[in-house]
Protein backbone atom coordinates (compact mmCIF):
# COMPACT_ATOMS: atom_id res chain seq x y z
CA MET A 1 -99.93 15.68 114.01
CA PRO A 2 -103.18 16.73 112.31
CA THR A 3 -106.22 14.54 112.91
CA ARG A 4 -107.40 12.64 109.84
CA ILE A 5 -111.07 13.02 109.09
CA ARG A 6 -112.65 9.72 108.07
CA ARG A 7 -114.56 9.98 104.84
CA PRO A 8 -118.03 8.42 105.07
CA ARG A 9 -118.31 5.06 103.37
CA LEU A 10 -120.40 4.64 100.26
CA LEU A 11 -123.51 3.26 101.98
CA GLU A 12 -123.30 5.96 104.65
CA GLN A 13 -123.21 8.59 101.91
CA LEU A 14 -126.18 6.92 100.23
CA ARG A 15 -128.22 6.89 103.43
CA LEU A 16 -127.41 10.54 104.10
CA ALA A 17 -128.42 11.57 100.58
CA LEU A 18 -131.74 9.73 100.91
CA ARG A 19 -132.49 11.24 104.32
CA VAL A 20 -131.65 14.77 103.22
CA ARG A 21 -134.20 14.34 100.42
CA HIS A 22 -136.75 12.91 102.88
CA TYR A 23 -137.09 9.50 101.27
CA SER A 24 -139.07 7.02 103.37
CA PRO A 25 -137.20 4.56 105.65
CA ARG A 26 -138.43 1.66 103.52
CA THR A 27 -137.10 3.22 100.34
CA GLU A 28 -133.79 3.84 102.10
CA GLU A 29 -133.45 0.21 103.14
CA ALA A 30 -134.43 -1.01 99.67
CA TYR A 31 -131.95 1.28 97.88
CA VAL A 32 -129.12 0.35 100.24
CA ALA A 33 -129.85 -3.36 99.71
CA TRP A 34 -129.80 -2.99 95.92
CA VAL A 35 -126.51 -1.05 95.94
CA ARG A 36 -124.93 -3.64 98.24
CA ARG A 37 -126.13 -6.41 95.92
CA TYR A 38 -124.78 -4.52 92.89
CA VAL A 39 -121.32 -4.17 94.46
CA ARG A 40 -121.20 -7.86 95.39
CA PHE A 41 -122.30 -8.86 91.88
CA HIS A 42 -119.24 -7.11 90.46
CA GLY A 43 -116.75 -8.63 92.88
CA MET A 44 -116.79 -5.84 95.48
CA ARG A 45 -115.55 -3.23 92.98
CA HIS A 46 -116.41 0.37 93.80
CA PRO A 47 -119.37 1.71 91.76
CA GLY A 48 -117.20 4.68 90.78
CA ASP A 49 -115.13 2.26 88.70
CA LEU A 50 -118.24 0.84 87.05
CA GLY A 51 -120.69 2.35 84.60
CA ARG A 52 -123.53 1.83 82.19
CA ASP A 53 -122.38 -1.58 80.92
CA GLU A 54 -121.99 -2.99 84.43
CA ILE A 55 -125.39 -1.66 85.46
CA GLY A 56 -126.92 -3.30 82.39
CA ARG A 57 -125.32 -6.68 83.14
CA PHE A 58 -126.52 -6.52 86.74
CA LEU A 59 -130.12 -5.67 85.77
CA THR A 60 -130.16 -8.36 83.09
CA ALA A 61 -128.97 -10.93 85.62
CA LEU A 62 -131.81 -9.95 87.94
CA ALA A 63 -134.37 -10.79 85.28
CA ASP A 64 -132.53 -13.74 83.70
CA ARG A 65 -130.88 -15.66 86.55
CA ALA A 66 -132.58 -14.34 89.68
CA GLY A 67 -136.02 -14.37 88.07
CA LEU A 68 -137.15 -11.18 89.82
CA SER A 69 -140.31 -9.32 88.89
CA ALA A 70 -140.43 -6.26 86.65
CA SER A 71 -141.20 -4.00 89.62
CA SER A 72 -138.13 -5.25 91.53
CA GLN A 73 -135.93 -4.71 88.49
CA THR A 74 -137.28 -1.17 88.11
CA GLN A 75 -136.63 -0.44 91.78
CA ALA A 76 -133.05 -1.69 91.43
CA LEU A 77 -132.55 0.60 88.44
CA SER A 78 -133.93 3.57 90.38
CA ALA A 79 -131.58 2.83 93.28
CA LEU A 80 -128.52 2.72 91.01
CA ILE A 81 -129.50 5.87 89.11
CA PHE A 82 -129.90 7.66 92.46
CA LEU A 83 -126.49 6.38 93.60
CA TYR A 84 -124.67 7.63 90.53
CA ARG A 85 -126.42 10.98 90.17
CA GLU A 86 -126.89 12.03 93.80
CA VAL A 87 -123.95 10.36 95.58
CA LEU A 88 -121.20 9.86 92.99
CA ASN A 89 -122.15 12.96 90.94
CA ALA A 90 -121.90 10.97 87.75
CA ASP A 91 -124.37 10.34 84.95
CA PRO A 92 -124.25 6.71 83.76
CA GLY A 93 -126.25 7.64 80.66
CA ALA A 94 -129.20 5.86 79.12
CA ILE A 95 -129.38 2.22 80.18
CA THR A 96 -131.24 0.48 77.40
CA ASP A 97 -129.33 -2.72 76.57
CA ILE A 98 -130.88 -4.90 79.26
CA VAL A 99 -133.24 -7.85 79.36
CA ARG A 100 -136.47 -6.59 80.87
CA ALA A 101 -138.32 -8.76 83.35
CA ARG A 102 -141.73 -9.76 82.09
CA GLN A 103 -144.70 -8.21 83.82
CA PRO A 104 -147.44 -10.86 84.02
CA GLY A 105 -151.00 -9.73 83.58
CA ARG A 106 -152.87 -10.60 86.74
CA LEU A 107 -156.40 -9.77 87.74
CA PRO A 108 -156.81 -8.28 91.23
CA VAL A 109 -158.70 -10.30 93.85
CA VAL A 110 -161.65 -8.26 95.07
CA LEU A 111 -163.74 -9.49 97.99
CA SER A 112 -167.50 -9.15 97.97
CA ARG A 113 -169.30 -7.33 100.79
CA GLU A 114 -170.31 -10.65 102.32
CA GLU A 115 -166.71 -11.88 102.25
CA VAL A 116 -165.45 -8.66 103.83
CA ARG A 117 -168.12 -8.91 106.55
CA ALA A 118 -167.16 -12.53 107.27
CA LEU A 119 -163.50 -11.52 107.50
CA LEU A 120 -164.11 -8.59 109.86
CA GLU A 121 -166.34 -10.69 112.12
CA ARG A 122 -163.35 -12.95 112.85
CA LEU A 123 -161.10 -10.06 113.80
CA ALA A 124 -160.93 -8.35 117.18
CA GLY A 125 -159.03 -5.56 118.90
CA THR A 126 -156.45 -3.54 117.01
CA PRO A 127 -156.43 -5.71 113.84
CA ARG A 128 -160.19 -5.25 113.49
CA ILE A 129 -160.03 -1.45 113.81
CA VAL A 130 -157.09 -1.22 111.42
CA CYS A 131 -158.87 -3.33 108.80
CA ILE A 132 -162.08 -1.33 109.06
CA LEU A 133 -160.05 1.85 108.57
CA LEU A 134 -158.38 0.39 105.49
CA TYR A 135 -161.70 -0.79 104.07
CA GLY A 136 -163.83 2.24 104.90
CA SER A 137 -161.44 5.16 104.40
CA GLY A 138 -159.04 6.38 101.75
CA LEU A 139 -155.94 4.85 103.33
CA ARG A 140 -153.89 3.24 100.59
CA ARG A 141 -151.40 1.13 102.53
CA LEU A 142 -151.29 -0.70 105.83
CA LEU A 143 -148.41 1.46 107.01
CA GLU A 144 -150.49 4.61 106.54
CA ALA A 145 -152.93 3.31 109.15
CA LEU A 146 -150.27 2.15 111.60
CA GLN A 147 -148.38 5.45 111.45
CA LEU A 148 -151.41 7.54 112.42
CA ARG A 149 -150.96 9.81 115.45
CA VAL A 150 -153.74 10.83 117.82
CA LYS A 151 -153.72 14.37 116.43
CA ASP A 152 -154.32 13.02 112.92
CA VAL A 153 -157.82 11.75 113.79
CA ASP A 154 -160.52 14.44 113.67
CA PHE A 155 -163.72 13.01 115.13
CA ALA A 156 -165.63 16.30 114.86
CA GLY A 157 -164.84 16.74 111.19
CA GLY A 158 -164.97 13.04 110.34
CA GLU A 159 -161.51 13.21 108.80
CA ILE A 160 -158.13 11.51 108.96
CA ARG A 161 -154.95 13.38 108.08
CA VAL A 162 -152.36 11.18 106.43
CA ARG A 163 -148.85 12.53 106.98
CA ARG A 164 -145.89 11.98 104.65
CA ALA A 165 -147.81 9.79 102.23
CA LYS A 166 -146.49 8.88 98.79
CA GLY A 167 -144.25 11.65 97.53
CA ALA A 168 -143.84 12.93 101.13
CA LYS A 169 -147.16 14.78 100.77
CA ASP A 170 -149.95 15.13 103.34
CA ARG A 171 -153.57 14.51 102.44
CA VAL A 172 -156.99 14.29 104.10
CA THR A 173 -159.31 11.30 103.85
CA VAL A 174 -162.60 10.25 105.43
CA LEU A 175 -163.05 8.68 108.87
CA PRO A 176 -165.68 5.90 108.60
CA GLY A 177 -168.71 6.96 110.65
CA GLY A 178 -169.45 3.41 111.78
CA LEU A 179 -166.03 3.17 113.40
CA THR A 180 -166.26 6.31 115.55
CA VAL A 181 -167.48 4.71 118.81
CA GLU A 182 -165.13 1.73 118.57
CA LEU A 183 -162.14 3.96 117.77
CA GLU A 184 -162.93 6.32 120.66
CA ARG A 185 -163.01 3.38 123.08
CA HIS A 186 -159.70 2.17 121.67
CA LEU A 187 -158.08 5.58 122.16
CA GLU A 188 -159.29 5.75 125.76
CA TRP A 189 -157.52 2.45 126.41
CA VAL A 190 -154.39 3.77 124.64
CA ARG A 191 -154.53 6.94 126.76
CA ARG A 192 -154.65 4.94 130.00
CA ARG A 193 -151.61 2.93 128.99
CA HIS A 194 -149.79 6.10 127.97
CA GLN A 195 -150.50 7.56 131.42
CA GLN A 196 -149.06 4.41 132.98
CA ASP A 197 -145.93 4.85 130.86
CA LEU A 198 -145.65 8.47 132.00
CA ALA A 199 -145.97 7.39 135.63
CA ARG A 200 -142.95 5.09 135.09
CA GLY A 201 -140.96 8.00 133.67
CA ASP A 202 -141.36 6.84 130.05
CA GLY A 203 -144.11 7.71 127.58
CA LYS A 204 -141.97 9.05 124.73
CA VAL A 205 -142.57 8.36 121.07
CA ALA A 206 -140.35 8.91 118.04
CA LEU A 207 -140.94 12.24 116.28
CA PRO A 208 -140.38 13.05 112.60
CA TYR A 209 -137.15 14.62 111.40
CA ALA A 210 -135.52 17.00 113.92
CA PHE A 211 -138.74 18.00 115.66
CA GLU A 212 -137.67 16.35 118.92
CA ARG A 213 -134.66 18.66 119.13
CA LYS A 214 -136.85 21.68 118.49
CA SER A 215 -139.55 20.63 120.95
CA PRO A 216 -138.15 18.04 123.42
CA GLY A 217 -141.37 17.81 125.45
CA ALA A 218 -143.54 16.92 122.44
CA ALA A 219 -142.38 13.30 122.51
CA LYS A 220 -144.45 12.73 125.68
CA GLU A 221 -147.53 14.67 124.58
CA TRP A 222 -150.75 12.70 124.07
CA SER A 223 -151.41 14.21 120.64
CA TRP A 224 -148.16 12.78 119.24
CA GLN A 225 -148.76 9.21 120.42
CA TYR A 226 -149.49 6.49 117.87
CA VAL A 227 -153.13 5.49 117.49
CA PHE A 228 -151.99 1.87 117.35
CA PRO A 229 -148.99 1.57 119.71
CA ALA A 230 -147.01 -1.62 120.06
CA ALA A 231 -147.57 -3.85 123.07
CA ARG A 232 -143.87 -3.92 123.88
CA ARG A 233 -141.58 -1.00 124.51
CA TYR A 234 -138.08 -0.71 123.06
CA ARG A 235 -134.85 0.81 124.31
CA HIS A 236 -134.02 4.01 122.44
CA PRO A 237 -130.33 4.95 121.88
CA SER A 238 -130.90 7.82 124.33
CA GLY A 239 -131.51 5.23 127.06
CA ASP A 240 -135.24 5.71 127.64
CA CYS A 241 -138.02 3.24 126.82
CA ARG A 242 -140.41 4.14 124.04
CA ARG A 243 -143.31 2.65 122.10
CA HIS A 244 -143.33 2.25 118.35
CA HIS A 245 -146.49 1.54 116.38
CA VAL A 246 -147.78 -2.00 115.88
CA HIS A 247 -145.69 -3.94 113.38
CA GLU A 248 -147.28 -4.72 110.02
CA SER A 249 -146.69 -8.45 110.46
CA ALA A 250 -148.99 -8.53 113.52
CA ILE A 251 -151.92 -7.25 111.45
CA GLN A 252 -151.05 -9.48 108.51
CA ARG A 253 -150.98 -12.59 110.70
CA ALA A 254 -154.37 -11.73 112.19
CA VAL A 255 -155.90 -11.17 108.76
CA ARG A 256 -154.44 -14.41 107.45
CA ALA A 257 -155.91 -16.36 110.36
CA ALA A 258 -159.29 -14.65 109.93
CA ALA A 259 -159.31 -15.38 106.22
CA GLN A 260 -158.63 -19.07 106.86
CA GLY A 261 -161.41 -19.16 109.42
CA ALA A 262 -163.84 -17.43 107.06
């Protein structure tokens, strides 16, 4: 009796399509969440049986009943357009008959130099270095700082190489001169802990795409380690213990506490 090959489910197909096109993990999770919410909104009907009208009703409900922001509504639309065009190979057509969420006009909050100094004075350790990097360099998001590898920091050239930034493009930005000594001391501490991990038989770090299969030993190399590794290790599906980078929430909590103190 021939073996039946299981066809990947819709969300599995969506994840695969996003990964093949090198979308970021955060975009992947957001798109999957929107598609799941879209299917539930229409009573668990398959998106292949739905079309432009159903997409319009879903997006209108997001703005009308759910009260979501304009940016969230736009992201939901992008997720559904990707689903239909790249996964279902169908063009839903122009989706115009929807109620658009209102985009409120807000002024950005910009701290003065004195306020920034007061904030940084109440930070210590990794949160302080991360915040100085964000303030003094061209890093655009917190995650760009946390995903830095040792090889991305060029002390001699005074540069930071940002990998897989927006649009999956690399770019070079400035390394703040006033942070050099403090960052070097931090990396020495990170190196000692990495050596301790190696002595235990661990010391691996996640590598981008399929690079680990091409170069298995690179996962333990010092140059590939995160500049800001997490305090706790995690169990990888392969069975070994690894370190991820510091979670965003840890930095955000420290900044919130410093802001309250300042």
